Amino acid sequence: MNLMAKRLGEGLKAIRNQARRGLAAVEFALTMPIWVTLLLGISDGTYFLLVNERCDRIAYSVTDIVTQYQVINIANLNDIVKAAGQLMQPIPFTANGLVIVTSVYKPAGKVPTICWQYSGGGSLSAISQIGTTGGTPTLPNGLVLNDNDNVVISEVYYKFIPLFLSDTFFPTGNVYRIAVYKPRLSQLINKPS
């Protein structure tokens, strides 16, 4: 009888262990969609932060390089915005990005004016939030120019498309970054040729 009770106890213990394993498998299966969604959401979030950081880097780098020229021409600007694609690597920039460089000058006693504007580096369709050549600019962040001040403004647009969870956590749309520098060696108010 002892042997039979012992075997019965071992059998019940084995059944309990199998039931626990089965319960764990069911719990895992029920929570799996949550874990997968979290993983994909974290991946898209990381990608979104990376795109934003790279767009910031492009805006500041392009503006910094342009303001180091004494005289700028279209060939220089073409080379500078090509670098934007390199700064965005490994994320492709040419199909989803655009860089707009604007020179703004405030003559003594007059309102600021957009002297010239250049866009390139990608094929995204976007217009400058600063304005158009010859017009009065909409200066960013309450920027006020003194008489005879000249600034170069770079705007970077990038069409963000989430990798996994399209429009669930991070909507598809344009990332916009801007940088403003004063030219260092001369005023860059003449239209690039």
Protein backbone atom coordinates (compact mmCIF):
# COMPACT_ATOMS: atom_id res chain seq x y z
CA MET A 1 0.00 0.00 0.00
CA ASN A 2 2.87 2.34 0.80
CA LEU A 3 4.38 1.77 -2.60
CA MET A 4 1.08 2.44 -4.32
CA ALA A 5 0.52 5.67 -2.35
CA LYS A 6 4.05 6.75 -3.17
CA ARG A 7 3.51 6.14 -6.90
CA LEU A 8 0.17 7.92 -6.79
CA GLY A 9 1.84 10.90 -5.07
CA GLU A 10 4.59 10.97 -7.72
CA GLY A 11 1.95 10.79 -10.47
CA LEU A 12 -0.01 13.68 -8.95
CA LYS A 13 3.21 15.70 -8.59
CA ALA A 14 4.04 15.07 -12.28
CA ILE A 15 0.53 16.15 -13.29
CA ARG A 16 0.86 19.37 -11.20
CA ASN A 17 4.23 20.13 -12.84
CA GLN A 18 2.74 19.61 -16.30
CA ALA A 19 -0.21 21.84 -15.37
CA ARG A 20 2.19 24.58 -14.23
CA ARG A 21 4.16 24.34 -17.46
CA GLY A 22 0.92 24.47 -19.43
CA LEU A 23 -0.24 27.50 -17.45
CA ALA A 24 3.09 29.27 -18.07
CA ALA A 25 2.77 28.54 -21.80
CA VAL A 26 -0.77 29.96 -21.84
CA GLU A 27 0.32 33.09 -19.92
CA PHE A 28 3.24 33.59 -22.30
CA ALA A 29 0.95 33.19 -25.32
CA LEU A 30 -1.51 35.73 -23.88
CA THR A 31 1.19 38.33 -23.15
CA MET A 32 3.21 37.75 -26.35
CA PRO A 33 1.36 40.42 -28.40
CA ILE A 34 2.07 42.96 -25.67
CA TRP A 35 5.77 42.08 -25.65
CA VAL A 36 6.02 42.22 -29.43
CA THR A 37 4.22 45.59 -29.55
CA LEU A 38 6.54 46.97 -26.87
CA LEU A 39 9.61 45.72 -28.73
CA LEU A 40 8.48 47.21 -32.04
CA GLY A 41 7.41 50.45 -30.35
CA ILE A 42 10.81 50.79 -28.67
CA SER A 43 12.48 50.14 -32.06
CA ASP A 44 10.38 52.85 -33.75
CA GLY A 45 11.02 55.23 -30.85
CA THR A 46 14.75 54.72 -31.12
CA TYR A 47 14.58 55.23 -34.89
CA PHE A 48 12.55 58.46 -34.38
CA LEU A 49 15.13 59.82 -31.92
CA LEU A 50 17.96 58.88 -34.29
CA VAL A 51 16.31 60.68 -37.22
CA ASN A 52 15.78 63.79 -35.08
CA GLU A 53 19.38 63.77 -33.88
CA ARG A 54 20.72 63.34 -37.41
CA CYS A 55 18.53 66.17 -38.72
CA ASP A 56 19.85 68.44 -35.95
CA ARG A 57 23.40 67.50 -36.90
CA ILE A 58 22.75 68.24 -40.58
CA ALA A 59 21.20 71.65 -39.83
CA TYR A 60 24.08 72.77 -37.62
CA SER A 61 26.80 71.29 -39.83
CA VAL A 62 25.47 72.82 -43.06
CA THR A 63 25.05 76.24 -41.46
CA ASP A 64 28.49 76.06 -39.85
CA ILE A 65 30.20 75.16 -43.12
CA VAL A 66 28.35 77.79 -45.19
CA THR A 67 29.24 80.56 -42.73
CA GLN A 68 32.95 79.77 -43.07
CA TYR A 69 33.03 80.86 -46.73
CA GLN A 70 34.00 84.38 -47.81
CA VAL A 71 32.09 83.96 -51.07
CA ILE A 72 29.74 81.07 -51.71
CA ASN A 73 28.66 79.64 -55.06
CA ILE A 74 26.20 76.99 -56.23
CA ALA A 75 28.93 74.36 -56.62
CA ASN A 76 29.97 74.90 -52.98
CA LEU A 77 26.36 74.62 -51.83
CA ASN A 78 25.85 71.44 -53.90
CA ASP A 79 28.88 69.86 -52.22
CA ILE A 80 27.80 70.99 -48.75
CA VAL A 81 24.31 69.50 -49.03
CA LYS A 82 25.73 66.27 -50.44
CA ALA A 83 27.38 65.94 -47.06
CA ALA A 84 23.88 65.95 -45.54
CA GLY A 85 23.31 62.51 -47.03
CA GLN A 86 26.55 61.31 -45.49
CA LEU A 87 25.63 62.71 -42.07
CA MET A 88 22.28 60.89 -42.21
CA GLN A 89 23.87 57.48 -42.88
CA PRO A 90 22.77 54.69 -42.60
CA ILE A 91 19.35 56.30 -43.06
CA PRO A 92 18.72 57.28 -46.71
CA PHE A 93 18.30 61.05 -47.10
CA THR A 94 17.96 61.78 -50.81
CA ALA A 95 14.38 60.50 -51.27
CA ASN A 96 13.01 61.71 -47.94
CA GLY A 97 15.05 64.81 -47.11
CA LEU A 98 15.67 68.41 -48.13
CA VAL A 99 18.02 71.16 -46.96
CA ILE A 100 17.13 74.83 -47.48
CA VAL A 101 19.83 77.45 -46.87
CA THR A 102 18.74 81.09 -46.54
CA SER A 103 20.73 84.32 -46.17
CA VAL A 104 18.96 87.15 -44.32
CA TYR A 105 20.30 90.71 -44.11
CA LYS A 106 18.99 93.78 -42.25
CA PRO A 107 20.14 97.04 -43.83
CA ALA A 108 20.45 100.05 -41.48
CA GLY A 109 17.05 101.49 -40.67
CA LYS A 110 15.12 98.94 -42.77
CA VAL A 111 13.41 95.62 -42.24
CA PRO A 112 15.30 92.35 -42.72
CA THR A 113 15.23 90.87 -46.22
CA ILE A 114 15.93 87.42 -47.62
CA CYS A 115 18.94 87.94 -49.92
CA TRP A 116 19.07 84.46 -51.41
CA GLN A 117 17.88 80.94 -50.87
CA TYR A 118 19.16 77.53 -51.96
CA SER A 119 17.59 74.11 -51.61
CA GLY A 120 19.04 70.69 -52.31
CA GLY A 121 20.38 67.46 -50.92
CA GLY A 122 17.17 65.55 -51.46
CA SER A 123 13.97 65.36 -53.44
CA LEU A 124 11.42 65.93 -50.68
CA SER A 125 8.90 68.62 -51.58
CA ALA A 126 8.90 71.34 -48.91
CA ILE A 127 8.90 75.13 -48.73
CA SER A 128 10.92 77.34 -46.42
CA GLN A 129 9.25 78.49 -43.23
CA ILE A 130 11.55 81.53 -43.32
CA GLY A 131 10.08 82.94 -46.54
CA THR A 132 11.15 83.49 -50.15
CA THR A 133 13.95 85.46 -51.78
CA GLY A 134 13.32 89.21 -51.67
CA GLY A 135 10.65 88.91 -48.99
CA THR A 136 10.58 89.76 -45.31
CA PRO A 137 11.66 86.70 -43.34
CA THR A 138 9.84 84.98 -40.53
CA LEU A 139 12.78 84.69 -38.16
CA PRO A 140 12.86 81.70 -35.78
CA ASN A 141 12.57 81.81 -32.00
CA GLY A 142 12.07 85.56 -31.71
CA LEU A 143 15.40 86.31 -33.40
CA VAL A 144 15.90 90.06 -33.86
CA LEU A 145 18.59 91.41 -36.18
CA ASN A 146 20.48 94.63 -35.51
CA ASP A 147 21.32 97.06 -38.32
CA ASN A 148 23.73 95.58 -40.88
CA ASP A 149 23.39 92.08 -39.40
CA ASN A 150 23.51 89.05 -41.66
CA VAL A 151 22.58 85.49 -40.70
CA VAL A 152 22.53 82.20 -42.55
CA ILE A 153 19.67 79.88 -41.69
CA SER A 154 19.56 76.19 -42.59
CA GLU A 155 16.31 74.28 -42.51
CA VAL A 156 16.28 70.50 -42.71
CA TYR A 157 13.16 68.55 -43.61
CA TYR A 158 12.95 64.78 -43.39
CA LYS A 159 9.89 62.63 -44.04
CA PHE A 160 9.80 60.24 -41.10
CA ILE A 161 8.21 56.87 -41.78
CA PRO A 162 8.09 54.43 -38.82
CA LEU A 163 9.83 51.13 -39.43
CA PHE A 164 7.25 48.81 -37.89
CA LEU A 165 4.18 50.33 -36.25
CA SER A 166 3.07 52.71 -38.97
CA ASP A 167 1.14 55.60 -37.37
CA THR A 168 0.50 53.66 -34.16
CA PHE A 169 2.95 55.45 -31.85
CA PHE A 170 4.91 57.76 -34.16
CA PRO A 171 2.93 59.27 -37.02
CA THR A 172 4.40 59.60 -40.49
CA GLY A 173 5.33 63.23 -41.08
CA ASN A 174 8.07 65.75 -41.58
CA VAL A 175 10.82 66.25 -39.05
CA TYR A 176 11.89 69.90 -39.17
CA ARG A 177 15.13 71.27 -37.75
CA ILE A 178 16.68 74.71 -38.05
CA ALA A 179 20.04 76.32 -37.29
CA VAL A 180 21.11 79.98 -37.41
CA TYR A 181 24.72 81.24 -37.60
CA LYS A 182 26.35 84.56 -38.42
CA PRO A 183 28.86 84.48 -41.28
CA ARG A 184 32.43 84.63 -39.97
CA LEU A 185 34.58 86.05 -42.76
CA SER A 186 32.21 88.27 -44.75
CA GLN A 187 28.55 89.00 -45.22
CA LEU A 188 27.02 86.36 -47.43
CA ILE A 189 24.37 88.59 -49.00
CA ASN A 190 25.26 88.17 -52.69
CA LYS A 191 23.28 85.52 -54.53
CA PRO A 192 25.46 82.44 -55.20
CA SER A 193 26.34 82.01 -58.85
